[in-house]
Every structure is written in structure tokens, then in C-alpha cells.
């Protein structure tokens, strides 16, 4: 399931960091399945990458907001 930026913004920094760790584990497992030809939905890799980018973007926005 793709996360919306609005949903991600509602999470705390700690929750975002946990989510980021989970997404990276998911990505690793998807790549492993892909390498062993067990992945049935290759588009899932791109979706997880985008979710990781969304979480990183919002974490960065919050870092910059703290400094300002």
C-alpha cells in the first residue's frame, strides 16, 4: 500500500524513523526475491523506493524547520 504524504506528515519523528527502517527492510527483501526470480510484482520495488523518499523528504523538512 502506497503511503500518502499527508499520512506521513501526521507521524512523529520517532515513528518516521521506525517506518524508514521497515521500508528499507522491505526493499532489501523485495530485491532478494527479485534476484531469485520469486518476485511476482516488480512494481512494488519502485513503490517502496518512493515511500522511502517521501519519508526522507519529510524528515529533512522537519530538520530544517527546527533550525529556522
C-alpha atoms as a PDB file:
ATOM      1  CA  UNK A   1       0.000   0.000   0.000  1.00  0.00           C
ATOM      2  CA  UNK A   2       1.398   3.358  -1.054  1.00  0.00           C
ATOM      3  CA  UNK A   3       1.553   5.954   1.710  1.00  0.00           C
ATOM      4  CA  UNK A   4       0.322   9.455   1.043  1.00  0.00           C
ATOM      5  CA  UNK A   5       2.466  12.423   2.075  1.00  0.00           C
ATOM      6  CA  UNK A   6      -0.437  13.652   4.235  1.00  0.00           C
ATOM      7  CA  UNK A   7      -0.422  10.374   6.194  1.00  0.00           C
ATOM      8  CA  UNK A   8       3.342  10.536   6.646  1.00  0.00           C
ATOM      9  CA  UNK A   9       3.212  14.131   7.931  1.00  0.00           C
ATOM     10  CA  UNK A  10       0.880  13.031  10.743  1.00  0.00           C
ATOM     11  CA  UNK A  11       3.556  10.710  12.180  1.00  0.00           C
ATOM     12  CA  UNK A  12       6.097  11.789  14.792  1.00  0.00           C
ATOM     13  CA  UNK A  13       9.839  11.827  14.051  1.00  0.00           C
ATOM     14  CA  UNK A  14      10.334   8.602  16.017  1.00  0.00           C
ATOM     15  CA  UNK A  15       7.526   6.882  14.087  1.00  0.00           C
ATOM     16  CA  UNK A  16       9.021   8.101  10.813  1.00  0.00           C
ATOM     17  CA  UNK A  17      12.418   6.650  11.683  1.00  0.00           C
ATOM     18  CA  UNK A  18      10.819   3.286  12.534  1.00  0.00           C
ATOM     19  CA  UNK A  19       8.824   3.421   9.290  1.00  0.00           C
ATOM     20  CA  UNK A  20      12.005   4.190   7.335  1.00  0.00           C
ATOM     21  CA  UNK A  21      13.769   1.159   8.858  1.00  0.00           C
ATOM     22  CA  UNK A  22      10.796  -1.068   7.979  1.00  0.00           C
ATOM     23  CA  UNK A  23      10.682   0.228   4.409  1.00  0.00           C
ATOM     24  CA  UNK A  24      14.408  -0.381   3.938  1.00  0.00           C
ATOM     25  CA  UNK A  25      13.978  -3.965   5.189  1.00  0.00           C
ATOM     26  CA  UNK A  26      11.052  -4.414   2.777  1.00  0.00           C
ATOM     27  CA  UNK A  27      13.166  -3.089  -0.089  1.00  0.00           C
ATOM     28  CA  UNK A  28      16.005  -5.471   0.772  1.00  0.00           C
ATOM     29  CA  UNK A  29      13.614  -8.444   0.842  1.00  0.00           C
ATOM     30  CA  UNK A  30      11.999  -7.400  -2.452  1.00  0.00           C
ATOM     31  CA  UNK A  31      15.397  -7.118  -4.133  1.00  0.00           C
ATOM     32  CA  UNK A  32      16.344 -10.528  -2.776  1.00  0.00           C
ATOM     33  CA  UNK A  33      13.132 -12.044  -4.147  1.00  0.00           C
ATOM     34  CA  UNK A  34      13.765 -10.335  -7.472  1.00  0.00           C
ATOM     35  CA  UNK A  35      17.291 -11.748  -7.680  1.00  0.00           C
ATOM     36  CA  UNK A  36      15.995 -15.256  -7.049  1.00  0.00           C
ATOM     37  CA  UNK A  37      13.085 -14.857  -9.511  1.00  0.00           C
ATOM     38  CA  UNK A  38      10.451 -15.168  -6.768  1.00  0.00           C
ATOM     39  CA  UNK A  39       9.027 -11.648  -7.058  1.00  0.00           C
ATOM     40  CA  UNK A  40       5.536 -11.639  -8.516  1.00  0.00           C
ATOM     41  CA  UNK A  41       5.039  -7.848  -8.522  1.00  0.00           C
ATOM     42  CA  UNK A  42       8.196  -5.967  -9.654  1.00  0.00           C
ATOM     43  CA  UNK A  43       6.449  -2.580  -9.458  1.00  0.00           C
ATOM     44  CA  UNK A  44       6.403  -2.998  -5.674  1.00  0.00           C
ATOM     45  CA  UNK A  45      10.149  -2.175  -5.600  1.00  0.00           C
ATOM     46  CA  UNK A  46       9.500   1.251  -7.145  1.00  0.00           C
ATOM     47  CA  UNK A  47       6.600   1.882  -4.755  1.00  0.00           C
ATOM     48  CA  UNK A  48       8.752   1.130  -1.708  1.00  0.00           C
ATOM     49  CA  UNK A  49      11.552   3.351  -3.045  1.00  0.00           C
ATOM     50  CA  UNK A  50       9.082   6.215  -3.427  1.00  0.00           C
ATOM     51  CA  UNK A  51       7.772   5.698   0.103  1.00  0.00           C
ATOM     52  CA  UNK A  52      11.368   5.806   1.400  1.00  0.00           C
ATOM     53  CA  UNK A  53      11.916   9.063  -0.493  1.00  0.00           C
ATOM     54  CA  UNK A  54       8.703  10.545   0.931  1.00  0.00           C
ATOM     55  CA  UNK A  55       9.709   9.692   4.496  1.00  0.00           C
ATOM     56  CA  UNK A  56      13.228  11.071   3.967  1.00  0.00           C
ATOM     57  CA  UNK A  57      11.818  14.285   2.495  1.00  0.00           C
ATOM     58  CA  UNK A  58       9.516  14.897   5.446  1.00  0.00           C
ATOM     59  CA  UNK A  59      12.271  14.080   7.955  1.00  0.00           C
ATOM     60  CA  UNK A  60      14.501  16.614   6.179  1.00  0.00           C
ATOM     61  CA  UNK A  61      11.745  19.247   6.179  1.00  0.00           C
ATOM     62  CA  UNK A  62      11.408  18.828   9.945  1.00  0.00           C
ATOM     63  CA  UNK A  63      15.169  19.103  10.456  1.00  0.00           C
ATOM     64  CA  UNK A  64      15.209  22.369   8.523  1.00  0.00           C
ATOM     65  CA  UNK A  65      12.162  23.672  10.413  1.00  0.00           C
ATOM     66  CA  UNK A  66      13.943  23.060  13.739  1.00  0.00           C
ATOM     67  CA  UNK A  67      16.945  25.121  12.601  1.00  0.00           C
ATOM     68  CA  UNK A  68      14.823  28.016  11.326  1.00  0.00           C
END
